[in-house]
PDB file of all heavy atoms in Angstrom:
ATOM      1  N   VAL A   1       0.893  -1.211   0.027  1.00  0.00           N
ATOM      2  CA  VAL A   1       0.142  -0.023   0.046  1.00  0.00           C
ATOM      3  C   VAL A   1       0.912   1.229   0.011  1.00  0.00           C
ATOM      4  O   VAL A   1       1.803   1.402   0.806  1.00  0.00           O
ATOM      5  CB  VAL A   1      -0.956   0.076   1.268  1.00  0.00           C
ATOM      6  CG1 VAL A   1      -1.763   1.249   1.230  1.00  0.00           C
ATOM      7  CG2 VAL A   1      -1.773  -1.224   1.313  1.00  0.00           C
ATOM      8  N   ALA A   2       0.693   2.067  -0.925  1.00  0.00           N
ATOM      9  CA  ALA A   2       1.421   3.364  -0.939  1.00  0.00           C
ATOM     10  C   ALA A   2       0.536   4.546  -0.708  1.00  0.00           C
ATOM     11  O   ALA A   2      -0.639   4.535  -1.034  1.00  0.00           O
ATOM     12  CB  ALA A   2       1.962   3.490  -2.453  1.00  0.00           C
ATOM     13  N   THR A   3       1.066   5.350   0.052  1.00  0.00           N
ATOM     14  CA  THR A   3       0.311   6.625   0.417  1.00  0.00           C
ATOM     15  C   THR A   3       0.549   7.662  -0.620  1.00  0.00           C
ATOM     16  O   THR A   3       1.675   8.108  -0.896  1.00  0.00           O
ATOM     17  CB  THR A   3       0.811   7.054   1.848  1.00  0.00           C
ATOM     18  OG1 THR A   3       0.737   6.114   2.768  1.00  0.00           O
ATOM     19  CG2 THR A   3       0.003   8.249   2.355  1.00  0.00           C
ATOM     20  N   VAL A   4      -0.607   8.316  -1.093  1.00  0.00           N
ATOM     21  CA  VAL A   4      -0.616   9.325  -1.974  1.00  0.00           C
ATOM     22  C   VAL A   4      -1.243  10.454  -1.317  1.00  0.00           C
ATOM     23  O   VAL A   4      -2.343  10.235  -0.788  1.00  0.00           O
ATOM     24  CB  VAL A   4      -1.179   8.901  -3.351  1.00  0.00           C
ATOM     25  CG1 VAL A   4      -1.237  10.002  -4.294  1.00  0.00           C
ATOM     26  CG2 VAL A   4      -0.461   7.670  -3.938  1.00  0.00           C
ATOM     27  N   GLY A   5      -0.726  11.657  -1.439  1.00  0.00           N
ATOM     28  CA  GLY A   5      -1.347  12.814  -0.878  1.00  0.00           C
ATOM     29  C   GLY A   5      -1.005  14.057  -1.715  1.00  0.00           C
ATOM     30  O   GLY A   5      -0.119  14.111  -2.433  1.00  0.00           O
ATOM     31  N   LEU A   6      -1.937  14.975  -1.415  1.00  0.00           N
ATOM     32  CA  LEU A   6      -1.686  16.334  -2.023  1.00  0.00           C
ATOM     33  C   LEU A   6      -1.342  17.348  -0.930  1.00  0.00           C
ATOM     34  O   LEU A   6      -2.072  17.322   0.087  1.00  0.00           O
ATOM     35  CB  LEU A   6      -2.956  16.802  -2.908  1.00  0.00           C
ATOM     36  CG  LEU A   6      -3.165  15.835  -4.092  1.00  0.00           C
ATOM     37  CD1 LEU A   6      -4.579  16.346  -4.639  1.00  0.00           C
ATOM     38  CD2 LEU A   6      -2.186  15.877  -5.007  1.00  0.00           C
ATOM     39  N   GLU A   7      -0.517  18.219  -1.254  1.00  0.00           N
ATOM     40  CA  GLU A   7      -0.306  19.236  -0.262  1.00  0.00           C
ATOM     41  C   GLU A   7      -1.416  20.310  -0.312  1.00  0.00           C
ATOM     42  O   GLU A   7      -1.699  20.775  -1.448  1.00  0.00           O
ATOM     43  CB  GLU A   7       1.090  19.956  -0.454  1.00  0.00           C
ATOM     44  CG  GLU A   7       1.465  20.956   0.628  1.00  0.00           C
ATOM     45  CD  GLU A   7       2.839  21.451   0.397  1.00  0.00           C
ATOM     46  OE1 GLU A   7       3.712  20.676   0.058  1.00  0.00           O
ATOM     47  OE2 GLU A   7       2.969  22.690   0.642  1.00  0.00           O
ATOM     48  N   GLU A   8      -1.929  20.600   0.738  1.00  0.00           N
ATOM     49  CA  GLU A   8      -3.190  21.392   0.781  1.00  0.00           C
ATOM     50  C   GLU A   8      -2.725  22.967   1.230  1.00  0.00           C
ATOM     51  O   GLU A   8      -1.926  23.126   2.096  1.00  0.00           O
ATOM     52  CB  GLU A   8      -4.212  21.033   1.772  1.00  0.00           C
ATOM     53  CG  GLU A   8      -5.450  21.711   1.737  1.00  0.00           C
ATOM     54  CD  GLU A   8      -6.452  21.181   2.745  1.00  0.00           C
ATOM     55  OE1 GLU A   8      -6.895  19.953   2.414  1.00  0.00           O
ATOM     56  OE2 GLU A   8      -6.776  21.671   3.707  1.00  0.00           O
ATOM     57  N   SER A   9      -3.144  23.847   0.395  1.00  0.00           N
ATOM     58  CA  SER A   9      -2.789  25.297   0.710  1.00  0.00           C
ATOM     59  C   SER A   9      -3.964  25.768   1.555  1.00  0.00           C
ATOM     60  O   SER A   9      -5.076  25.805   1.201  1.00  0.00           O
ATOM     61  CB  SER A   9      -2.808  25.998  -0.551  1.00  0.00           C
ATOM     62  OG  SER A   9      -2.454  27.373  -0.341  1.00  0.00           O
ATOM     63  N   LYS A  10      -3.616  26.083   2.846  1.00  0.00           N
ATOM     64  CA  LYS A  10      -4.663  26.502   3.714  1.00  0.00           C
ATOM     65  C   LYS A  10      -4.805  28.048   3.967  1.00  0.00           C
ATOM     66  O   LYS A  10      -3.837  28.753   3.734  1.00  0.00           O
ATOM     67  CB  LYS A  10      -4.358  25.889   5.194  1.00  0.00           C
ATOM     68  CG  LYS A  10      -4.413  24.430   5.095  1.00  0.00           C
ATOM     69  CD  LYS A  10      -4.164  23.845   6.485  1.00  0.00           C
ATOM     70  CE  LYS A  10      -4.385  22.354   6.489  1.00  0.00           C
ATOM     71  NZ  LYS A  10      -4.219  21.796   7.820  1.00  0.00           N
ATOM     72  N   LEU A  11      -5.896  28.439   4.356  1.00  0.00           N
ATOM     73  CA  LEU A  11      -6.259  29.867   4.738  1.00  0.00           C
ATOM     74  C   LEU A  11      -6.013  29.827   6.317  1.00  0.00           C
ATOM     75  O   LEU A  11      -6.941  29.445   6.974  1.00  0.00           O
ATOM     76  CB  LEU A  11      -7.644  30.228   4.381  1.00  0.00           C
ATOM     77  CG  LEU A  11      -7.896  30.457   2.980  1.00  0.00           C
ATOM     78  CD1 LEU A  11      -9.437  30.575   2.645  1.00  0.00           C
ATOM     79  CD2 LEU A  11      -7.219  31.643   2.358  1.00  0.00           C
ATOM     80  N   ASP A  12      -4.915  30.213   6.668  1.00  0.00           N
ATOM     81  CA  ASP A  12      -4.603  30.166   8.188  1.00  0.00           C
ATOM     82  C   ASP A  12      -5.239  31.411   8.952  1.00  0.00           C
ATOM     83  O   ASP A  12      -5.447  31.240  10.136  1.00  0.00           O
ATOM     84  CB  ASP A  12      -2.986  30.237   8.429  1.00  0.00           C
ATOM     85  CG  ASP A  12      -2.431  28.980   7.873  1.00  0.00           C
ATOM     86  OD1 ASP A  12      -3.160  27.894   7.892  1.00  0.00           O
ATOM     87  OD2 ASP A  12      -1.265  29.034   7.398  1.00  0.00           O
ATOM     88  N   ASN A  13      -5.486  32.527   8.224  1.00  0.00           N
ATOM     89  CA  ASN A  13      -5.871  33.702   9.078  1.00  0.00           C
ATOM     90  C   ASN A  13      -7.399  33.902   8.891  1.00  0.00           C
ATOM     91  O   ASN A  13      -7.873  34.992   8.948  1.00  0.00           O
ATOM     92  CB  ASN A  13      -5.146  34.926   8.644  1.00  0.00           C
ATOM     93  CG  ASN A  13      -4.814  34.878   7.240  1.00  0.00           C
ATOM     94  OD1 ASN A  13      -5.314  34.096   6.385  1.00  0.00           O
ATOM     95  ND2 ASN A  13      -4.104  35.883   6.682  1.00  0.00           N
ATOM     96  N   LEU A  14      -8.300  32.838   8.776  1.00  0.00           N
ATOM     97  CA  LEU A  14      -9.702  33.023   8.670  1.00  0.00           C
ATOM     98  C   LEU A  14     -10.224  32.570  10.071  1.00  0.00           C
ATOM     99  O   LEU A  14      -9.825  31.566  10.589  1.00  0.00           O
ATOM    100  CB  LEU A  14     -10.122  32.041   7.593  1.00  0.00           C
ATOM    101  CG  LEU A  14     -11.614  32.106   7.207  1.00  0.00           C
ATOM    102  CD1 LEU A  14     -11.860  32.107   5.780  1.00  0.00           C
ATOM    103  CD2 LEU A  14     -12.376  31.031   7.863  1.00  0.00           C
ATOM    104  N   ARG A  15     -11.160  33.351  10.487  1.00  0.00           N
ATOM    105  CA  ARG A  15     -11.757  33.046  11.836  1.00  0.00           C
ATOM    106  C   ARG A  15     -13.143  32.851  11.580  1.00  0.00           C
ATOM    107  O   ARG A  15     -13.962  33.592  10.869  1.00  0.00           O
ATOM    108  CB  ARG A  15     -11.537  34.192  12.790  1.00  0.00           C
ATOM    109  CG  ARG A  15     -10.136  34.310  13.284  1.00  0.00           C
ATOM    110  CD  ARG A  15      -9.911  35.307  14.412  1.00  0.00           C
ATOM    111  NE  ARG A  15     -10.968  35.305  15.375  1.00  0.00           N
ATOM    112  CZ  ARG A  15     -11.671  36.373  15.872  1.00  0.00           C
ATOM    113  NH1 ARG A  15     -11.188  37.507  15.533  1.00  0.00           N
ATOM    114  NH2 ARG A  15     -12.600  36.247  16.714  1.00  0.00           N
ATOM    115  N   LEU A  16     -13.710  31.957  12.411  1.00  0.00           N
ATOM    116  CA  LEU A  16     -15.178  31.487  12.344  1.00  0.00           C
ATOM    117  C   LEU A  16     -15.739  31.575  13.789  1.00  0.00           C
ATOM    118  O   LEU A  16     -15.142  30.932  14.720  1.00  0.00           O
ATOM    119  CB  LEU A  16     -15.361  30.125  11.696  1.00  0.00           C
ATOM    120  CG  LEU A  16     -16.515  29.346  11.643  1.00  0.00           C
ATOM    121  CD1 LEU A  16     -17.439  29.939  10.634  1.00  0.00           C
ATOM    122  CD2 LEU A  16     -16.497  28.001  11.373  1.00  0.00           C
ATOM    123  N   PHE A  17     -16.726  32.354  14.069  1.00  0.00           N
ATOM    124  CA  PHE A  17     -17.272  32.474  15.331  1.00  0.00           C
ATOM    125  C   PHE A  17     -18.729  32.841  15.291  1.00  0.00           C
ATOM    126  O   PHE A  17     -19.137  33.390  14.388  1.00  0.00           O
ATOM    127  CB  PHE A  17     -16.492  33.392  16.174  1.00  0.00           C
ATOM    128  CG  PHE A  17     -16.277  34.764  15.624  1.00  0.00           C
ATOM    129  CD1 PHE A  17     -17.151  35.824  16.042  1.00  0.00           C
ATOM    130  CD2 PHE A  17     -15.459  35.049  14.615  1.00  0.00           C
ATOM    131  CE1 PHE A  17     -17.064  36.983  15.407  1.00  0.00           C
ATOM    132  CE2 PHE A  17     -15.368  36.383  14.095  1.00  0.00           C
ATOM    133  CZ  PHE A  17     -16.236  37.376  14.535  1.00  0.00           C
ATOM    134  N   PRO A  18     -19.492  32.614  16.457  1.00  0.00           N
ATOM    135  CA  PRO A  18     -19.331  31.676  17.366  1.00  0.00           C
ATOM    136  C   PRO A  18     -19.537  30.248  16.959  1.00  0.00           C
ATOM    137  O   PRO A  18     -20.286  30.069  15.941  1.00  0.00           O
ATOM    138  CB  PRO A  18     -20.430  31.995  18.475  1.00  0.00           C
ATOM    139  CG  PRO A  18     -21.504  32.651  17.741  1.00  0.00           C
ATOM    140  CD  PRO A  18     -20.811  33.319  16.482  1.00  0.00           C
ATOM    141  N   ASN A  19     -18.943  29.280  17.535  1.00  0.00           N
ATOM    142  CA  ASN A  19     -19.141  27.899  17.092  1.00  0.00           C
ATOM    143  C   ASN A  19     -19.115  26.947  18.429  1.00  0.00           C
ATOM    144  O   ASN A  19     -18.016  26.950  18.911  1.00  0.00           O
ATOM    145  CB  ASN A  19     -18.043  27.551  16.106  1.00  0.00           C
ATOM    146  CG  ASN A  19     -18.423  26.216  15.402  1.00  0.00           C
ATOM    147  OD1 ASN A  19     -19.498  25.730  15.493  1.00  0.00           O
ATOM    148  ND2 ASN A  19     -17.387  25.642  14.722  1.00  0.00           N
ATOM    149  N   PRO A  20     -20.203  26.452  18.815  1.00  0.00           N
ATOM    150  CA  PRO A  20     -21.489  26.405  18.213  1.00  0.00           C
ATOM    151  C   PRO A  20     -22.187  27.633  18.145  1.00  0.00           C
ATOM    152  O   PRO A  20     -21.985  28.646  18.967  1.00  0.00           O
ATOM    153  CB  PRO A  20     -22.232  25.460  19.060  1.00  0.00           C
ATOM    154  CG  PRO A  20     -21.468  25.275  20.224  1.00  0.00           C
ATOM    155  CD  PRO A  20     -20.058  25.700  20.095  1.00  0.00           C
ATOM    156  N   THR A  21     -23.206  27.714  17.147  1.00  0.00           N
ATOM    157  CA  THR A  21     -23.920  29.002  16.836  1.00  0.00           C
ATOM    158  C   THR A  21     -25.360  28.717  17.033  1.00  0.00           C
ATOM    159  O   THR A  21     -25.857  27.623  16.852  1.00  0.00           O
ATOM    160  CB  THR A  21     -23.581  29.596  15.404  1.00  0.00           C
ATOM    161  OG1 THR A  21     -24.317  30.708  15.316  1.00  0.00           O
ATOM    162  CG2 THR A  21     -24.001  28.518  14.335  1.00  0.00           C
ATOM    163  N   ASP A  22     -26.061  29.863  17.312  1.00  0.00           N
ATOM    164  CA  ASP A  22     -27.451  29.736  17.449  1.00  0.00           C
ATOM    165  C   ASP A  22     -28.221  30.168  16.233  1.00  0.00           C
ATOM    166  O   ASP A  22     -29.338  30.144  16.107  1.00  0.00           O
ATOM    167  CB  ASP A  22     -28.025  30.511  18.576  1.00  0.00           C
ATOM    168  CG  ASP A  22     -27.713  32.057  18.583  1.00  0.00           C
ATOM    169  OD1 ASP A  22     -27.124  32.437  17.459  1.00  0.00           O
ATOM    170  OD2 ASP A  22     -28.179  32.733  19.427  1.00  0.00           O
ATOM    171  N   GLY A  23     -27.456  30.398  15.126  1.00  0.00           N
ATOM    172  CA  GLY A  23     -27.981  30.678  13.862  1.00  0.00           C
ATOM    173  C   GLY A  23     -27.202  31.742  13.040  1.00  0.00           C
ATOM    174  O   GLY A  23     -27.115  31.688  11.860  1.00  0.00           O
ATOM    175  N   LEU A  24     -26.539  32.753  13.652  1.00  0.00           N
ATOM    176  CA  LEU A  24     -25.831  33.820  12.980  1.00  0.00           C
ATOM    177  C   LEU A  24     -24.374  33.400  13.140  1.00  0.00           C
ATOM    178  O   LEU A  24     -23.646  33.341  14.348  1.00  0.00           O
ATOM    179  CB  LEU A  24     -26.126  35.159  13.562  1.00  0.00           C
ATOM    180  CG  LEU A  24     -25.669  36.351  12.835  1.00  0.00           C
ATOM    181  CD1 LEU A  24     -26.271  36.262  11.402  1.00  0.00           C
ATOM    182  CD2 LEU A  24     -26.051  37.635  13.471  1.00  0.00           C
ATOM    183  N   LEU A  25     -23.814  33.111  12.074  1.00  0.00           N
ATOM    184  CA  LEU A  25     -22.300  32.718  12.039  1.00  0.00           C
ATOM    185  C   LEU A  25     -21.460  33.889  11.386  1.00  0.00           C
ATOM    186  O   LEU A  25     -21.886  34.563  10.319  1.00  0.00           O
ATOM    187  CB  LEU A  25     -22.239  31.487  11.093  1.00  0.00           C
ATOM    188  CG  LEU A  25     -20.794  30.853  10.924  1.00  0.00           C
ATOM    189  CD1 LEU A  25     -20.408  30.332  12.309  1.00  0.00           C
ATOM    190  CD2 LEU A  25     -20.864  29.822   9.943  1.00  0.00           C
ATOM    191  N   HIS A  26     -20.404  34.298  12.014  1.00  0.00           N
ATOM    192  CA  HIS A  26     -19.559  35.338  11.561  1.00  0.00           C
ATOM    193  C   HIS A  26     -18.252  34.763  11.084  1.00  0.00           C
ATOM    194  O   HIS A  26     -17.700  33.751  11.695  1.00  0.00           O
ATOM    195  CB  HIS A  26     -19.245  36.326  12.674  1.00  0.00           C
ATOM    196  CG  HIS A  26     -20.340  36.931  13.358  1.00  0.00           C
ATOM    197  ND1 HIS A  26     -21.168  37.880  12.765  1.00  0.00           N
ATOM    198  CD2 HIS A  26     -20.994  36.744  14.506  1.00  0.00           C
ATOM    199  CE1 HIS A  26     -22.169  38.326  13.377  1.00  0.00           C
ATOM    200  NE2 HIS A  26     -22.066  37.574  14.562  1.00  0.00           N
ATOM    201  N   ILE A  27     -17.738  35.294   9.903  1.00  0.00           N
ATOM    202  CA  ILE A  27     -16.578  34.819   9.287  1.00  0.00           C
ATOM    203  C   ILE A  27     -15.718  36.007   9.067  1.00  0.00           C
ATOM    204  O   ILE A  27     -16.153  36.933   8.416  1.00  0.00           O
ATOM    205  CB  ILE A  27     -16.833  34.008   7.899  1.00  0.00           C
ATOM    206  CG1 ILE A  27     -17.688  32.912   8.271  1.00  0.00           C
ATOM    207  CG2 ILE A  27     -15.482  33.631   7.376  1.00  0.00           C
ATOM    208  CD1 ILE A  27     -18.365  32.288   6.946  1.00  0.00           C
ATOM    209  N   SER A  28     -14.448  36.054   9.582  1.00  0.00           N
ATOM    210  CA  SER A  28     -13.565  37.065   9.487  1.00  0.00           C
ATOM    211  C   SER A  28     -12.345  36.571   8.525  1.00  0.00           C
ATOM    212  O   SER A  28     -11.721  35.539   8.752  1.00  0.00           O
ATOM    213  CB  SER A  28     -12.939  37.397  10.827  1.00  0.00           C
ATOM    214  OG  SER A  28     -11.909  38.480  10.687  1.00  0.00           O
ATOM    215  N   ILE A  29     -12.173  37.321   7.426  1.00  0.00           N
ATOM    216  CA  ILE A  29     -11.043  36.994   6.492  1.00  0.00           C
ATOM    217  C   ILE A  29     -10.259  38.197   6.228  1.00  0.00           C
ATOM    218  O   ILE A  29     -10.696  39.259   6.359  1.00  0.00           O
ATOM    219  CB  ILE A  29     -11.725  36.451   5.104  1.00  0.00           C
ATOM    220  CG1 ILE A  29     -12.552  37.513   4.395  1.00  0.00           C
ATOM    221  CG2 ILE A  29     -12.598  35.209   5.433  1.00  0.00           C
ATOM    222  CD1 ILE A  29     -12.892  37.157   3.017  1.00  0.00           C
ATOM    223  N   PRO A  30      -9.044  38.033   5.675  1.00  0.00           N
ATOM    224  CA  PRO A  30      -8.204  39.156   5.163  1.00  0.00           C
ATOM    225  C   PRO A  30      -8.899  39.835   4.089  1.00  0.00           C
ATOM    226  O   PRO A  30      -9.425  39.127   3.159  1.00  0.00           O
ATOM    227  CB  PRO A  30      -6.942  38.402   4.724  1.00  0.00           C
ATOM    228  CG  PRO A  30      -6.916  37.170   5.318  1.00  0.00           C
ATOM    229  CD  PRO A  30      -8.341  36.693   5.500  1.00  0.00           C
ATOM    230  N   ALA A  31      -8.891  41.149   4.043  1.00  0.00           N
ATOM    231  CA  ALA A  31      -9.650  41.958   2.989  1.00  0.00           C
ATOM    232  C   ALA A  31      -8.972  41.616   1.659  1.00  0.00           C
ATOM    233  O   ALA A  31      -9.715  41.779   0.696  1.00  0.00           O
ATOM    234  CB  ALA A  31      -9.457  43.378   3.372  1.00  0.00           C
ATOM    235  N   SER A  32      -7.770  41.244   1.654  1.00  0.00           N
ATOM    236  CA  SER A  32      -7.121  40.984   0.239  1.00  0.00           C
ATOM    237  C   SER A  32      -7.724  39.684  -0.389  1.00  0.00           C
ATOM    238  O   SER A  32      -7.651  39.500  -1.692  1.00  0.00           O
ATOM    239  CB  SER A  32      -5.656  40.862   0.417  1.00  0.00           C
ATOM    240  OG  SER A  32      -5.429  39.576   1.273  1.00  0.00           O
ATOM    241  N   LEU A  33      -8.420  38.808   0.399  1.00  0.00           N
ATOM    242  CA  LEU A  33      -8.979  37.664  -0.242  1.00  0.00           C
ATOM    243  C   LEU A  33     -10.487  37.744  -0.597  1.00  0.00           C
ATOM    244  O   LEU A  33     -11.083  36.887  -1.222  1.00  0.00           O
ATOM    245  CB  LEU A  33      -8.803  36.450   0.747  1.00  0.00           C
ATOM    246  CG  LEU A  33      -7.296  36.030   0.982  1.00  0.00           C
ATOM    247  CD1 LEU A  33      -7.433  35.050   2.007  1.00  0.00           C
ATOM    248  CD2 LEU A  33      -6.735  35.556  -0.185  1.00  0.00           C
ATOM    249  N   GLU A  34     -11.123  38.864  -0.275  1.00  0.00           N
ATOM    250  CA  GLU A  34     -12.494  38.923  -0.294  1.00  0.00           C
ATOM    251  C   GLU A  34     -13.165  38.923  -1.727  1.00  0.00           C
ATOM    252  O   GLU A  34     -14.207  38.456  -2.014  1.00  0.00           O
ATOM    253  CB  GLU A  34     -13.046  40.201   0.323  1.00  0.00           C
ATOM    254  CG  GLU A  34     -12.786  41.479  -0.414  1.00  0.00           C
ATOM    255  CD  GLU A  34     -13.269  42.758   0.273  1.00  0.00           C
ATOM    256  OE1 GLU A  34     -14.599  42.784   0.495  1.00  0.00           O
ATOM    257  OE2 GLU A  34     -12.541  43.627   0.413  1.00  0.00           O
ATOM    258  N   GLN A  35     -12.376  39.292  -2.823  1.00  0.00           N
ATOM    259  CA  GLN A  35     -12.890  39.266  -4.159  1.00  0.00           C
ATOM    260  C   GLN A  35     -13.223  37.990  -4.619  1.00  0.00           C
ATOM    261  O   GLN A  35     -14.386  37.880  -5.345  1.00  0.00           O
ATOM    262  CB  GLN A  35     -11.960  40.066  -5.029  1.00  0.00           C
ATOM    263  CG  GLN A  35     -11.681  41.540  -4.725  1.00  0.00           C
ATOM    264  CD  GLN A  35     -13.017  42.333  -4.726  1.00  0.00           C
ATOM    265  OE1 GLN A  35     -13.820  42.173  -5.598  1.00  0.00           O
ATOM    266  NE2 GLN A  35     -13.129  43.226  -3.752  1.00  0.00           N
ATOM    267  N   ASP A  36     -12.392  37.036  -4.470  1.00  0.00           N
ATOM    268  CA  ASP A  36     -12.700  35.701  -4.992  1.00  0.00           C
ATOM    269  C   ASP A  36     -13.013  34.521  -4.056  1.00  0.00           C
ATOM    270  O   ASP A  36     -12.956  33.407  -4.293  1.00  0.00           O
ATOM    271  CB  ASP A  36     -11.547  35.276  -5.884  1.00  0.00           C
ATOM    272  CG  ASP A  36     -10.168  35.069  -5.166  1.00  0.00           C
ATOM    273  OD1 ASP A  36     -10.116  35.465  -3.960  1.00  0.00           O
ATOM    274  OD2 ASP A  36      -9.372  34.381  -5.665  1.00  0.00           O
ATOM    275  N   MET A  37     -13.416  35.046  -2.819  1.00  0.00           N
ATOM    276  CA  MET A  37     -13.808  34.067  -1.694  1.00  0.00           C
ATOM    277  C   MET A  37     -15.168  33.520  -1.973  1.00  0.00           C
ATOM    278  O   MET A  37     -16.018  34.229  -2.127  1.00  0.00           O
ATOM    279  CB  MET A  37     -13.622  34.778  -0.404  1.00  0.00           C
ATOM    280  CG  MET A  37     -13.991  33.877   0.745  1.00  0.00           C
ATOM    281  SD  MET A  37     -12.756  32.647   1.186  1.00  0.00           S
ATOM    282  CE  MET A  37     -11.457  33.635   1.731  1.00  0.00           C
ATOM    283  N   THR A  38     -15.325  32.201  -1.782  1.00  0.00           N
ATOM    284  CA  THR A  38     -16.629  31.555  -1.888  1.00  0.00           C
ATOM    285  C   THR A  38     -16.782  30.779  -0.534  1.00  0.00           C
ATOM    286  O   THR A  38     -15.941  30.240  -0.010  1.00  0.00           O
ATOM    287  CB  THR A  38     -16.764  30.553  -3.072  1.00  0.00           C
ATOM    288  OG1 THR A  38     -15.754  29.555  -2.967  1.00  0.00           O
ATOM    289  CG2 THR A  38     -16.624  31.295  -4.338  1.00  0.00           C
ATOM    290  N   PHE A  39     -18.055  30.747  -0.175  1.00  0.00           N
ATOM    291  CA  PHE A  39     -18.426  30.009   1.078  1.00  0.00           C
ATOM    292  C   PHE A  39     -19.407  28.914   0.824  1.00  0.00           C
ATOM    293  O   PHE A  39     -20.548  29.319   0.091  1.00  0.00           O
ATOM    294  CB  PHE A  39     -19.132  31.019   2.176  1.00  0.00           C
ATOM    295  CG  PHE A  39     -18.180  32.123   2.525  1.00  0.00           C
ATOM    296  CD1 PHE A  39     -18.473  33.363   2.165  1.00  0.00           C
ATOM    297  CD2 PHE A  39     -17.071  31.909   3.396  1.00  0.00           C
ATOM    298  CE1 PHE A  39     -17.627  34.466   2.435  1.00  0.00           C
ATOM    299  CE2 PHE A  39     -16.231  32.982   3.715  1.00  0.00           C
ATOM    300  CZ  PHE A  39     -16.501  34.180   3.291  1.00  0.00           C
ATOM    301  N   THR A  40     -19.309  27.754   1.166  1.00  0.00           N
ATOM    302  CA  THR A  40     -20.193  26.671   0.820  1.00  0.00           C
ATOM    303  C   THR A  40     -20.369  25.894   2.163  1.00  0.00           C
ATOM    304  O   THR A  40     -19.477  25.716   2.920  1.00  0.00           O
ATOM    305  CB  THR A  40     -19.655  25.654  -0.260  1.00  0.00           C
ATOM    306  OG1 THR A  40     -19.261  26.480  -1.363  1.00  0.00           O
ATOM    307  CG2 THR A  40     -20.720  24.623  -0.567  1.00  0.00           C
ATOM    308  N   ILE A  41     -21.692  25.564   2.491  1.00  0.00           N
ATOM    309  CA  ILE A  41     -22.025  24.879   3.697  1.00  0.00           C
ATOM    310  C   ILE A  41     -22.776  23.576   3.298  1.00  0.00           C
ATOM    311  O   ILE A  41     -23.565  23.591   2.452  1.00  0.00           O
ATOM    312  CB  ILE A  41     -22.936  25.681   4.721  1.00  0.00           C
ATOM    313  CG1 ILE A  41     -22.080  27.021   5.116  1.00  0.00           C
ATOM    314  CG2 ILE A  41     -23.289  24.847   5.846  1.00  0.00           C
ATOM    315  CD1 ILE A  41     -22.776  27.810   6.004  1.00  0.00           C
ATOM    316  N   TYR A  42     -22.274  22.513   3.834  1.00  0.00           N
ATOM    317  CA  TYR A  42     -22.775  21.055   3.613  1.00  0.00           C
ATOM    318  C   TYR A  42     -23.412  20.587   4.727  1.00  0.00           C
ATOM    319  O   TYR A  42     -22.977  20.825   5.933  1.00  0.00           O
ATOM    320  CB  TYR A  42     -21.630  20.201   3.236  1.00  0.00           C
ATOM    321  CG  TYR A  42     -20.888  20.614   1.893  1.00  0.00           C
ATOM    322  CD1 TYR A  42     -19.779  21.454   2.040  1.00  0.00           C
ATOM    323  CD2 TYR A  42     -21.289  20.218   0.629  1.00  0.00           C
ATOM    324  CE1 TYR A  42     -19.031  21.888   0.934  1.00  0.00           C
ATOM    325  CE2 TYR A  42     -20.495  20.643  -0.463  1.00  0.00           C
ATOM    326  CZ  TYR A  42     -19.475  21.460  -0.346  1.00  0.00           C
ATOM    327  OH  TYR A  42     -18.702  21.908  -1.434  1.00  0.00           O
TER     328      TYR A  42
END
């Protein structure tokens, strides 16, 4: 068995709060990333 992986490029300076939430979720991101940032919830 050989292990194959991809190096993942992470967004280290993104904050998500409060978690757990009662409905309103806040996401803080660097302003430089806002133009092409997408949010998906599964």
